[in-house]
């Protein structure tokens, strides 16, 4: 984790509970791109919250990163990446 910066929850508190519109739009745009990339690989993150969205450090301090894939789950068949896996009623 020392390669990544602070999470959005921490940064929001540091900014007195308010991000600028441009900051919100930049984070939203990057999060959509990150989630599209994850979904193209056939996975769902399943734990998106401010604590799991962190910023980079140094020259990458404006880059958004999504962390904690501990509850991530595949939703497509691994080999073909086309067929959706069946929905189960079990909580996993």
PDB file of N, CA and C in Angstrom:
ATOM      1  N   UNK A   1       0.794  -1.206   0.000  1.00  0.00           N
ATOM      2  CA  UNK A   1       0.000   0.000   0.000  1.00  0.00           C
ATOM      3  C   UNK A   1       0.845   1.284   0.000  1.00  0.00           C
ATOM      4  N   UNK A   2       2.137   1.232   0.318  1.00  0.00           N
ATOM      5  CA  UNK A   2       2.887   2.492   0.296  1.00  0.00           C
ATOM      6  C   UNK A   2       3.038   3.077  -1.109  1.00  0.00           C
ATOM      7  N   UNK A   3       2.661   2.330  -2.133  1.00  0.00           N
ATOM      8  CA  UNK A   3       2.752   2.831  -3.499  1.00  0.00           C
ATOM      9  C   UNK A   3       1.541   3.671  -3.881  1.00  0.00           C
ATOM     10  N   UNK A   4       0.542   3.718  -3.011  1.00  0.00           N
ATOM     11  CA  UNK A   4      -0.677   4.466  -3.287  1.00  0.00           C
ATOM     12  C   UNK A   4      -0.886   5.538  -2.229  1.00  0.00           C
ATOM     13  N   UNK A   5      -1.650   6.555  -2.594  1.00  0.00           N
ATOM     14  CA  UNK A   5      -1.927   7.662  -1.692  1.00  0.00           C
ATOM     15  C   UNK A   5      -3.142   7.408  -0.815  1.00  0.00           C
ATOM     16  N   UNK A   6      -3.736   8.485  -0.368  1.00  0.00           N
ATOM     17  CA  UNK A   6      -4.881   8.441   0.552  1.00  0.00           C
ATOM     18  C   UNK A   6      -6.163   8.071  -0.186  1.00  0.00           C
ATOM     19  N   UNK A   7      -7.124   7.521   0.574  1.00  0.00           N
ATOM     20  CA  UNK A   7      -8.415   7.157  -0.012  1.00  0.00           C
ATOM     21  C   UNK A   7      -9.355   8.361  -0.044  1.00  0.00           C
ATOM     22  N   UNK A   8     -10.438   8.224  -0.806  1.00  0.00           N
ATOM     23  CA  UNK A   8     -11.375   9.342  -0.978  1.00  0.00           C
ATOM     24  C   UNK A   8     -12.046   9.762   0.320  1.00  0.00           C
ATOM     25  N   UNK A   9     -12.279   8.829   1.209  1.00  0.00           N
ATOM     26  CA  UNK A   9     -12.899   9.162   2.492  1.00  0.00           C
ATOM     27  C   UNK A   9     -11.992  10.112   3.277  1.00  0.00           C
ATOM     28  N   UNK A  10     -10.712   9.794   3.343  1.00  0.00           N
ATOM     29  CA  UNK A  10      -9.742  10.647   4.037  1.00  0.00           C
ATOM     30  C   UNK A  10      -9.654  12.016   3.366  1.00  0.00           C
ATOM     31  N   UNK A  11      -9.554  12.022   2.035  1.00  0.00           N
ATOM     32  CA  UNK A  11      -9.404  13.280   1.306  1.00  0.00           C
ATOM     33  C   UNK A  11     -10.636  14.174   1.439  1.00  0.00           C
ATOM     34  N   UNK A  12     -11.819  13.560   1.474  1.00  0.00           N
ATOM     35  CA  UNK A  12     -13.047  14.336   1.640  1.00  0.00           C
ATOM     36  C   UNK A  12     -13.070  15.017   3.007  1.00  0.00           C
ATOM     37  N   UNK A  13     -12.657  14.301   4.036  1.00  0.00           N
ATOM     38  CA  UNK A  13     -12.588  14.903   5.379  1.00  0.00           C
ATOM     39  C   UNK A  13     -11.579  16.045   5.404  1.00  0.00           C
ATOM     40  N   UNK A  14     -10.448  15.841   4.736  1.00  0.00           N
ATOM     41  CA  UNK A  14      -9.404  16.868   4.695  1.00  0.00           C
ATOM     42  C   UNK A  14      -9.882  18.122   3.956  1.00  0.00           C
ATOM     43  N   UNK A  15     -10.792  17.938   2.989  1.00  0.00           N
ATOM     44  CA  UNK A  15     -11.340  19.069   2.212  1.00  0.00           C
ATOM     45  C   UNK A  15     -12.618  19.610   2.841  1.00  0.00           C
ATOM     46  N   UNK A  16     -12.820  19.351   4.121  1.00  0.00           N
ATOM     47  CA  UNK A  16     -13.987  19.827   4.873  1.00  0.00           C
ATOM     48  C   UNK A  16     -15.312  19.355   4.282  1.00  0.00           C
ATOM     49  N   UNK A  17     -15.325  18.142   3.747  1.00  0.00           N
ATOM     50  CA  UNK A  17     -16.555  17.523   3.278  1.00  0.00           C
ATOM     51  C   UNK A  17     -17.025  17.926   1.901  1.00  0.00           C
ATOM     52  N   UNK A  18     -16.196  18.628   1.133  1.00  0.00           N
ATOM     53  CA  UNK A  18     -16.629  19.075  -0.192  1.00  0.00           C
ATOM     54  C   UNK A  18     -15.495  18.949  -1.206  1.00  0.00           C
ATOM     55  N   UNK A  19     -15.793  18.294  -2.326  1.00  0.00           N
ATOM     56  CA  UNK A  19     -14.891  18.287  -3.480  1.00  0.00           C
ATOM     57  C   UNK A  19     -15.435  19.274  -4.494  1.00  0.00           C
ATOM     58  N   UNK A  20     -14.556  19.843  -5.297  1.00  0.00           N
ATOM     59  CA  UNK A  20     -15.011  20.730  -6.374  1.00  0.00           C
ATOM     60  C   UNK A  20     -15.706  19.898  -7.444  1.00  0.00           C
ATOM     61  N   UNK A  21     -16.509  20.557  -8.245  1.00  0.00           N
ATOM     62  CA  UNK A  21     -17.202  19.870  -9.331  1.00  0.00           C
ATOM     63  C   UNK A  21     -16.206  19.217 -10.274  1.00  0.00           C
ATOM     64  N   UNK A  22     -15.118  19.898 -10.599  1.00  0.00           N
ATOM     65  CA  UNK A  22     -14.131  19.327 -11.518  1.00  0.00           C
ATOM     66  C   UNK A  22     -13.478  18.082 -10.927  1.00  0.00           C
ATOM     67  N   UNK A  23     -13.243  18.072  -9.616  1.00  0.00           N
ATOM     68  CA  UNK A  23     -12.672  16.893  -8.959  1.00  0.00           C
ATOM     69  C   UNK A  23     -13.639  15.720  -9.025  1.00  0.00           C
ATOM     70  N   UNK A  24     -14.901  15.969  -8.726  1.00  0.00           N
ATOM     71  CA  UNK A  24     -15.917  14.918  -8.763  1.00  0.00           C
ATOM     72  C   UNK A  24     -16.038  14.341 -10.177  1.00  0.00           C
ATOM     73  N   UNK A  25     -16.040  15.209 -11.176  1.00  0.00           N
ATOM     74  CA  UNK A  25     -16.172  14.742 -12.556  1.00  0.00           C
ATOM     75  C   UNK A  25     -14.956  13.927 -12.995  1.00  0.00           C
ATOM     76  N   UNK A  26     -13.754  14.348 -12.590  1.00  0.00           N
ATOM     77  CA  UNK A  26     -12.544  13.610 -12.942  1.00  0.00           C
ATOM     78  C   UNK A  26     -12.552  12.231 -12.304  1.00  0.00           C
ATOM     79  N   UNK A  27     -12.901  12.158 -11.017  1.00  0.00           N
ATOM     80  CA  UNK A  27     -12.958  10.871 -10.317  1.00  0.00           C
ATOM     81  C   UNK A  27     -14.019   9.977 -10.954  1.00  0.00           C
ATOM     82  N   UNK A  28     -15.186  10.537 -11.241  1.00  0.00           N
ATOM     83  CA  UNK A  28     -16.262   9.751 -11.856  1.00  0.00           C
ATOM     84  C   UNK A  28     -15.843   9.198 -13.213  1.00  0.00           C
ATOM     85  N   UNK A  29     -15.217  10.025 -14.031  1.00  0.00           N
ATOM     86  CA  UNK A  29     -14.771   9.580 -15.358  1.00  0.00           C
ATOM     87  C   UNK A  29     -13.767   8.437 -15.241  1.00  0.00           C
ATOM     88  N   UNK A  30     -12.793   8.587 -14.353  1.00  0.00           N
ATOM     89  CA  UNK A  30     -11.792   7.534 -14.188  1.00  0.00           C
ATOM     90  C   UNK A  30     -12.397   6.261 -13.612  1.00  0.00           C
ATOM     91  N   UNK A  31     -13.353   6.400 -12.685  1.00  0.00           N
ATOM     92  CA  UNK A  31     -13.990   5.217 -12.110  1.00  0.00           C
ATOM     93  C   UNK A  31     -14.792   4.453 -13.163  1.00  0.00           C
ATOM     94  N   UNK A  32     -15.476   5.171 -14.036  1.00  0.00           N
ATOM     95  CA  UNK A  32     -16.223   4.502 -15.116  1.00  0.00           C
ATOM     96  C   UNK A  32     -15.248   3.733 -16.000  1.00  0.00           C
ATOM     97  N   UNK A  33     -14.114   4.334 -16.334  1.00  0.00           N
ATOM     98  CA  UNK A  33     -13.117   3.657 -17.174  1.00  0.00           C
ATOM     99  C   UNK A  33     -12.542   2.427 -16.469  1.00  0.00           C
ATOM    100  N   UNK A  34     -12.267   2.551 -15.175  1.00  0.00           N
ATOM    101  CA  UNK A  34     -11.738   1.419 -14.403  1.00  0.00           C
ATOM    102  C   UNK A  34     -12.753   0.285 -14.371  1.00  0.00           C
ATOM    103  N   UNK A  35     -14.010   0.613 -14.075  1.00  0.00           N
ATOM    104  CA  UNK A  35     -15.044  -0.421 -13.988  1.00  0.00           C
ATOM    105  C   UNK A  35     -15.312  -1.069 -15.351  1.00  0.00           C
ATOM    106  N   UNK A  36     -15.268  -0.297 -16.422  1.00  0.00           N
ATOM    107  CA  UNK A  36     -15.420  -0.872 -17.760  1.00  0.00           C
ATOM    108  C   UNK A  36     -14.310  -1.877 -18.034  1.00  0.00           C
ATOM    109  N   UNK A  37     -13.102  -1.541 -17.655  1.00  0.00           N
ATOM    110  CA  UNK A  37     -11.964  -2.435 -17.865  1.00  0.00           C
ATOM    111  C   UNK A  37     -12.123  -3.732 -17.077  1.00  0.00           C
ATOM    112  N   UNK A  38     -12.532  -3.614 -15.825  1.00  0.00           N
ATOM    113  CA  UNK A  38     -12.739  -4.794 -14.979  1.00  0.00           C
ATOM    114  C   UNK A  38     -13.857  -5.664 -15.553  1.00  0.00           C
ATOM    115  N   UNK A  39     -14.952  -5.037 -15.977  1.00  0.00           N
ATOM    116  CA  UNK A  39     -16.090  -5.781 -16.511  1.00  0.00           C
ATOM    117  C   UNK A  39     -15.738  -6.457 -17.832  1.00  0.00           C
ATOM    118  N   UNK A  40     -14.912  -5.827 -18.659  1.00  0.00           N
ATOM    119  CA  UNK A  40     -14.483  -6.464 -19.915  1.00  0.00           C
ATOM    120  C   UNK A  40     -13.697  -7.738 -19.648  1.00  0.00           C
ATOM    121  N   UNK A  41     -13.045  -7.803 -18.501  1.00  0.00           N
ATOM    122  CA  UNK A  41     -12.294  -8.998 -18.126  1.00  0.00           C
ATOM    123  C   UNK A  41     -13.197 -10.034 -17.443  1.00  0.00           C
ATOM    124  N   UNK A  42     -14.480  -9.695 -17.269  1.00  0.00           N
ATOM    125  CA  UNK A  42     -15.446 -10.648 -16.732  1.00  0.00           C
ATOM    126  C   UNK A  42     -15.576 -10.663 -15.219  1.00  0.00           C
ATOM    127  N   UNK A  43     -15.219  -9.570 -14.562  1.00  0.00           N
ATOM    128  CA  UNK A  43     -15.292  -9.528 -13.101  1.00  0.00           C
ATOM    129  C   UNK A  43     -16.159  -8.378 -12.608  1.00  0.00           C
ATOM    130  N   UNK A  44     -16.729  -8.593 -11.410  1.00  0.00           N
ATOM    131  CA  UNK A  44     -17.449  -7.559 -10.664  1.00  0.00           C
ATOM    132  C   UNK A  44     -16.641  -7.270  -9.405  1.00  0.00           C
ATOM    133  N   UNK A  45     -16.485  -6.014  -9.059  1.00  0.00           N
ATOM    134  CA  UNK A  45     -15.704  -5.642  -7.864  1.00  0.00           C
ATOM    135  C   UNK A  45     -16.466  -5.971  -6.589  1.00  0.00           C
ATOM    136  N   UNK A  46     -17.713  -5.594  -6.500  1.00  0.00           N
ATOM    137  CA  UNK A  46     -18.642  -5.895  -5.408  1.00  0.00           C
ATOM    138  C   UNK A  46     -18.342  -5.202  -4.075  1.00  0.00           C
ATOM    139  N   UNK A  47     -17.444  -4.244  -4.020  1.00  0.00           N
ATOM    140  CA  UNK A  47     -17.193  -3.530  -2.764  1.00  0.00           C
ATOM    141  C   UNK A  47     -16.720  -2.108  -3.052  1.00  0.00           C
ATOM    142  N   UNK A  48     -17.479  -1.394  -3.871  1.00  0.00           N
ATOM    143  CA  UNK A  48     -17.087  -0.034  -4.224  1.00  0.00           C
ATOM    144  C   UNK A  48     -17.553   0.912  -3.126  1.00  0.00           C
ATOM    145  N   UNK A  49     -16.600   1.601  -2.526  1.00  0.00           N
ATOM    146  CA  UNK A  49     -16.864   2.587  -1.478  1.00  0.00           C
ATOM    147  C   UNK A  49     -15.670   3.536  -1.439  1.00  0.00           C
ATOM    148  N   UNK A  50     -15.822   4.710  -0.842  1.00  0.00           N
ATOM    149  CA  UNK A  50     -14.739   5.701  -0.842  1.00  0.00           C
ATOM    150  C   UNK A  50     -13.411   5.170  -0.291  1.00  0.00           C
ATOM    151  N   UNK A  51     -13.459   4.269   0.670  1.00  0.00           N
ATOM    152  CA  UNK A  51     -12.240   3.727   1.259  1.00  0.00           C
ATOM    153  C   UNK A  51     -11.460   2.841   0.284  1.00  0.00           C
ATOM    154  N   UNK A  52     -12.115   2.346  -0.761  1.00  0.00           N
ATOM    155  CA  UNK A  52     -11.464   1.486  -1.751  1.00  0.00           C
ATOM    156  C   UNK A  52     -11.082   2.230  -3.025  1.00  0.00           C
ATOM    157  N   UNK A  53     -11.230   3.536  -3.011  1.00  0.00           N
ATOM    158  CA  UNK A  53     -10.811   4.370  -4.137  1.00  0.00           C
ATOM    159  C   UNK A  53      -9.689   5.256  -3.610  1.00  0.00           C
ATOM    160  N   UNK A  54      -8.491   5.071  -4.156  1.00  0.00           N
ATOM    161  CA  UNK A  54      -7.325   5.799  -3.665  1.00  0.00           C
ATOM    162  C   UNK A  54      -6.645   6.544  -4.806  1.00  0.00           C
ATOM    163  N   UNK A  55      -5.892   7.546  -4.434  1.00  0.00           N
ATOM    164  CA  UNK A  55      -5.139   8.327  -5.407  1.00  0.00           C
ATOM    165  C   UNK A  55      -3.709   7.806  -5.459  1.00  0.00           C
ATOM    166  N   UNK A  56      -3.031   8.102  -6.573  1.00  0.00           N
ATOM    167  CA  UNK A  56      -1.629   7.747  -6.691  1.00  0.00           C
ATOM    168  C   UNK A  56      -0.767   8.692  -5.878  1.00  0.00           C
ATOM    169  N   UNK A  57       0.540   8.513  -5.983  1.00  0.00           N
ATOM    170  CA  UNK A  57       1.474   9.406  -5.303  1.00  0.00           C
ATOM    171  C   UNK A  57       2.515   9.914  -6.293  1.00  0.00           C
ATOM    172  N   UNK A  58       3.218  10.939  -5.906  1.00  0.00           N
ATOM    173  CA  UNK A  58       4.270  11.491  -6.763  1.00  0.00           C
ATOM    174  C   UNK A  58       3.710  12.012  -8.070  1.00  0.00           C
ATOM    175  N   UNK A  59       4.357  11.646  -9.175  1.00  0.00           N
ATOM    176  CA  UNK A  59       3.918  12.138 -10.486  1.00  0.00           C
ATOM    177  C   UNK A  59       2.538  11.595 -10.872  1.00  0.00           C
ATOM    178  N   UNK A  60       2.083  10.537 -10.207  1.00  0.00           N
ATOM    179  CA  UNK A  60       0.766   9.947 -10.483  1.00  0.00           C
ATOM    180  C   UNK A  60      -0.272  10.339  -9.436  1.00  0.00           C
ATOM    181  N   UNK A  61      -0.062  11.456  -8.755  1.00  0.00           N
ATOM    182  CA  UNK A  61      -0.955  11.824  -7.644  1.00  0.00           C
ATOM    183  C   UNK A  61      -2.375  12.146  -8.088  1.00  0.00           C
ATOM    184  N   UNK A  62      -2.591  12.388  -9.370  1.00  0.00           N
ATOM    185  CA  UNK A  62      -3.953  12.662  -9.850  1.00  0.00           C
ATOM    186  C   UNK A  62      -4.608  11.431 -10.474  1.00  0.00           C
ATOM    187  N   UNK A  63      -3.935  10.291 -10.402  1.00  0.00           N
ATOM    188  CA  UNK A  63      -4.484   9.059 -10.962  1.00  0.00           C
ATOM    189  C   UNK A  63      -5.322   8.337  -9.916  1.00  0.00           C
ATOM    190  N   UNK A  64      -6.515   7.907 -10.315  1.00  0.00           N
ATOM    191  CA  UNK A  64      -7.432   7.191  -9.427  1.00  0.00           C
ATOM    192  C   UNK A  64      -7.176   5.689  -9.542  1.00  0.00           C
ATOM    193  N   UNK A  65      -7.185   4.997  -8.400  1.00  0.00           N
ATOM    194  CA  UNK A  65      -6.988   3.545  -8.368  1.00  0.00           C
ATOM    195  C   UNK A  65      -8.117   2.906  -7.565  1.00  0.00           C
ATOM    196  N   UNK A  66      -8.547   1.736  -7.984  1.00  0.00           N
ATOM    197  CA  UNK A  66      -9.544   0.949  -7.250  1.00  0.00           C
ATOM    198  C   UNK A  66      -8.811  -0.204  -6.586  1.00  0.00           C
ATOM    199  N   UNK A  67      -9.009  -0.374  -5.281  1.00  0.00           N
ATOM    200  CA  UNK A  67      -8.309  -1.425  -4.536  1.00  0.00           C
ATOM    201  C   UNK A  67      -9.308  -2.371  -3.872  1.00  0.00           C
ATOM    202  N   UNK A  68      -8.784  -3.394  -3.225  1.00  0.00           N
ATOM    203  CA  UNK A  68      -9.525  -4.383  -2.439  1.00  0.00           C
ATOM    204  C   UNK A  68     -10.474  -5.211  -3.299  1.00  0.00           C
ATOM    205  N   UNK A  69      -9.901  -6.174  -3.978  1.00  0.00           N
ATOM    206  CA  UNK A  69     -10.679  -7.081  -4.811  1.00  0.00           C
ATOM    207  C   UNK A  69     -11.013  -8.374  -4.067  1.00  0.00           C
ATOM    208  N   UNK A  70     -11.028  -8.312  -2.743  1.00  0.00           N
ATOM    209  CA  UNK A  70     -11.289  -9.493  -1.921  1.00  0.00           C
ATOM    210  C   UNK A  70     -12.668 -10.098  -2.125  1.00  0.00           C
ATOM    211  N   UNK A  71     -13.646  -9.295  -2.485  1.00  0.00           N
ATOM    212  CA  UNK A  71     -15.003  -9.823  -2.713  1.00  0.00           C
ATOM    213  C   UNK A  71     -15.359  -9.859  -4.196  1.00  0.00           C
ATOM    214  N   UNK A  72     -14.378  -9.612  -5.065  1.00  0.00           N
ATOM    215  CA  UNK A  72     -14.633  -9.633  -6.515  1.00  0.00           C
ATOM    216  C   UNK A  72     -15.070 -11.022  -6.949  1.00  0.00           C
ATOM    217  N   UNK A  73     -15.855 -11.052  -8.015  1.00  0.00           N
ATOM    218  CA  UNK A  73     -16.380 -12.332  -8.488  1.00  0.00           C
ATOM    219  C   UNK A  73     -16.494 -12.311 -10.001  1.00  0.00           C
ATOM    220  N   UNK A  74     -16.153 -13.439 -10.609  1.00  0.00           N
ATOM    221  CA  UNK A  74     -16.301 -13.577 -12.061  1.00  0.00           C
ATOM    222  C   UNK A  74     -17.779 -13.686 -12.398  1.00  0.00           C
ATOM    223  N   UNK A  75     -18.185 -13.024 -13.482  1.00  0.00           N
ATOM    224  CA  UNK A  75     -19.568 -13.167 -13.924  1.00  0.00           C
ATOM    225  C   UNK A  75     -19.649 -13.718 -15.348  1.00  0.00           C
ATOM    226  N   UNK A  76     -18.500 -13.982 -15.951  1.00  0.00           N
ATOM    227  CA  UNK A  76     -18.471 -14.591 -17.284  1.00  0.00           C
ATOM    228  C   UNK A  76     -17.669 -15.870 -17.226  1.00  0.00           C
ATOM    229  N   UNK A  77     -17.965 -16.772 -18.140  1.00  0.00           N
ATOM    230  CA  UNK A  77     -17.231 -18.018 -18.267  1.00  0.00           C
ATOM    231  C   UNK A  77     -15.792 -17.695 -18.650  1.00  0.00           C
ATOM    232  N   UNK A  78     -14.834 -18.301 -17.979  1.00  0.00           N
ATOM    233  CA  UNK A  78     -13.423 -17.933 -18.134  1.00  0.00           C
ATOM    234  C   UNK A  78     -12.862 -18.119 -19.537  1.00  0.00           C
ATOM    235  N   UNK A  79     -13.139 -19.235 -20.166  1.00  0.00           N
ATOM    236  CA  UNK A  79     -12.500 -19.520 -21.458  1.00  0.00           C
ATOM    237  C   UNK A  79     -13.037 -18.670 -22.597  1.00  0.00           C
ATOM    238  N   UNK A  80     -14.350 -18.562 -22.699  1.00  0.00           N
ATOM    239  CA  UNK A  80     -14.931 -17.836 -23.834  1.00  0.00           C
ATOM    240  C   UNK A  80     -15.186 -16.371 -23.532  1.00  0.00           C
ATOM    241  N   UNK A  81     -15.337 -16.019 -22.263  1.00  0.00           N
ATOM    242  CA  UNK A  81     -15.649 -14.649 -21.846  1.00  0.00           C
ATOM    243  C   UNK A  81     -16.943 -14.129 -22.483  1.00  0.00           C
ATOM    244  N   UNK A  82     -17.798 -15.032 -22.931  1.00  0.00           N
ATOM    245  CA  UNK A  82     -19.042 -14.582 -23.552  1.00  0.00           C
ATOM    246  C   UNK A  82     -20.267 -15.010 -22.759  1.00  0.00           C
ATOM    247  N   UNK A  83     -20.284 -16.232 -22.275  1.00  0.00           N
ATOM    248  CA  UNK A  83     -21.460 -16.732 -21.572  1.00  0.00           C
ATOM    249  C   UNK A  83     -21.457 -16.268 -20.121  1.00  0.00           C
ATOM    250  N   UNK A  84     -22.566 -15.708 -19.682  1.00  0.00           N
ATOM    251  CA  UNK A  84     -22.681 -15.301 -18.287  1.00  0.00           C
ATOM    252  C   UNK A  84     -22.817 -16.531 -17.414  1.00  0.00           C
ATOM    253  N   UNK A  85     -22.189 -16.510 -16.264  1.00  0.00           N
ATOM    254  CA  UNK A  85     -22.347 -17.585 -15.302  1.00  0.00           C
ATOM    255  C   UNK A  85     -23.750 -17.503 -14.727  1.00  0.00           C
ATOM    256  N   UNK A  86     -24.332 -18.627 -14.342  1.00  0.00           N
ATOM    257  CA  UNK A  86     -25.687 -18.596 -13.784  1.00  0.00           C
ATOM    258  C   UNK A  86     -25.734 -17.837 -12.468  1.00  0.00           C
ATOM    259  N   UNK A  87     -26.838 -17.144 -12.235  1.00  0.00           N
ATOM    260  CA  UNK A  87     -27.037 -16.418 -10.993  1.00  0.00           C
ATOM    261  C   UNK A  87     -27.421 -17.428  -9.925  1.00  0.00           C
ATOM    262  N   UNK A  88     -26.769 -17.351  -8.780  1.00  0.00           N
ATOM    263  CA  UNK A  88     -27.110 -18.236  -7.669  1.00  0.00           C
ATOM    264  C   UNK A  88     -27.759 -17.423  -6.566  1.00  0.00           C
ATOM    265  N   UNK A  89     -28.586 -18.081  -5.785  1.00  0.00           N
ATOM    266  CA  UNK A  89     -29.271 -17.379  -4.697  1.00  0.00           C
ATOM    267  C   UNK A  89     -28.447 -17.399  -3.416  1.00  0.00           C
ATOM    268  N   UNK A  90     -27.329 -18.127  -3.402  1.00  0.00           N
ATOM    269  CA  UNK A  90     -26.484 -18.190  -2.219  1.00  0.00           C
ATOM    270  C   UNK A  90     -25.719 -16.892  -2.072  1.00  0.00           C
ATOM    271  N   UNK A  91     -25.603 -16.411  -0.852  1.00  0.00           N
ATOM    272  CA  UNK A  91     -24.806 -15.206  -0.581  1.00  0.00           C
ATOM    273  C   UNK A  91     -23.343 -15.620  -0.545  1.00  0.00           C
ATOM    274  N   UNK A  92     -22.535 -15.002  -1.419  1.00  0.00           N
ATOM    275  CA  UNK A  92     -21.097 -15.338  -1.462  1.00  0.00           C
ATOM    276  C   UNK A  92     -20.296 -14.089  -1.447  1.00  0.00           C
TER     277      UNK A  92
END
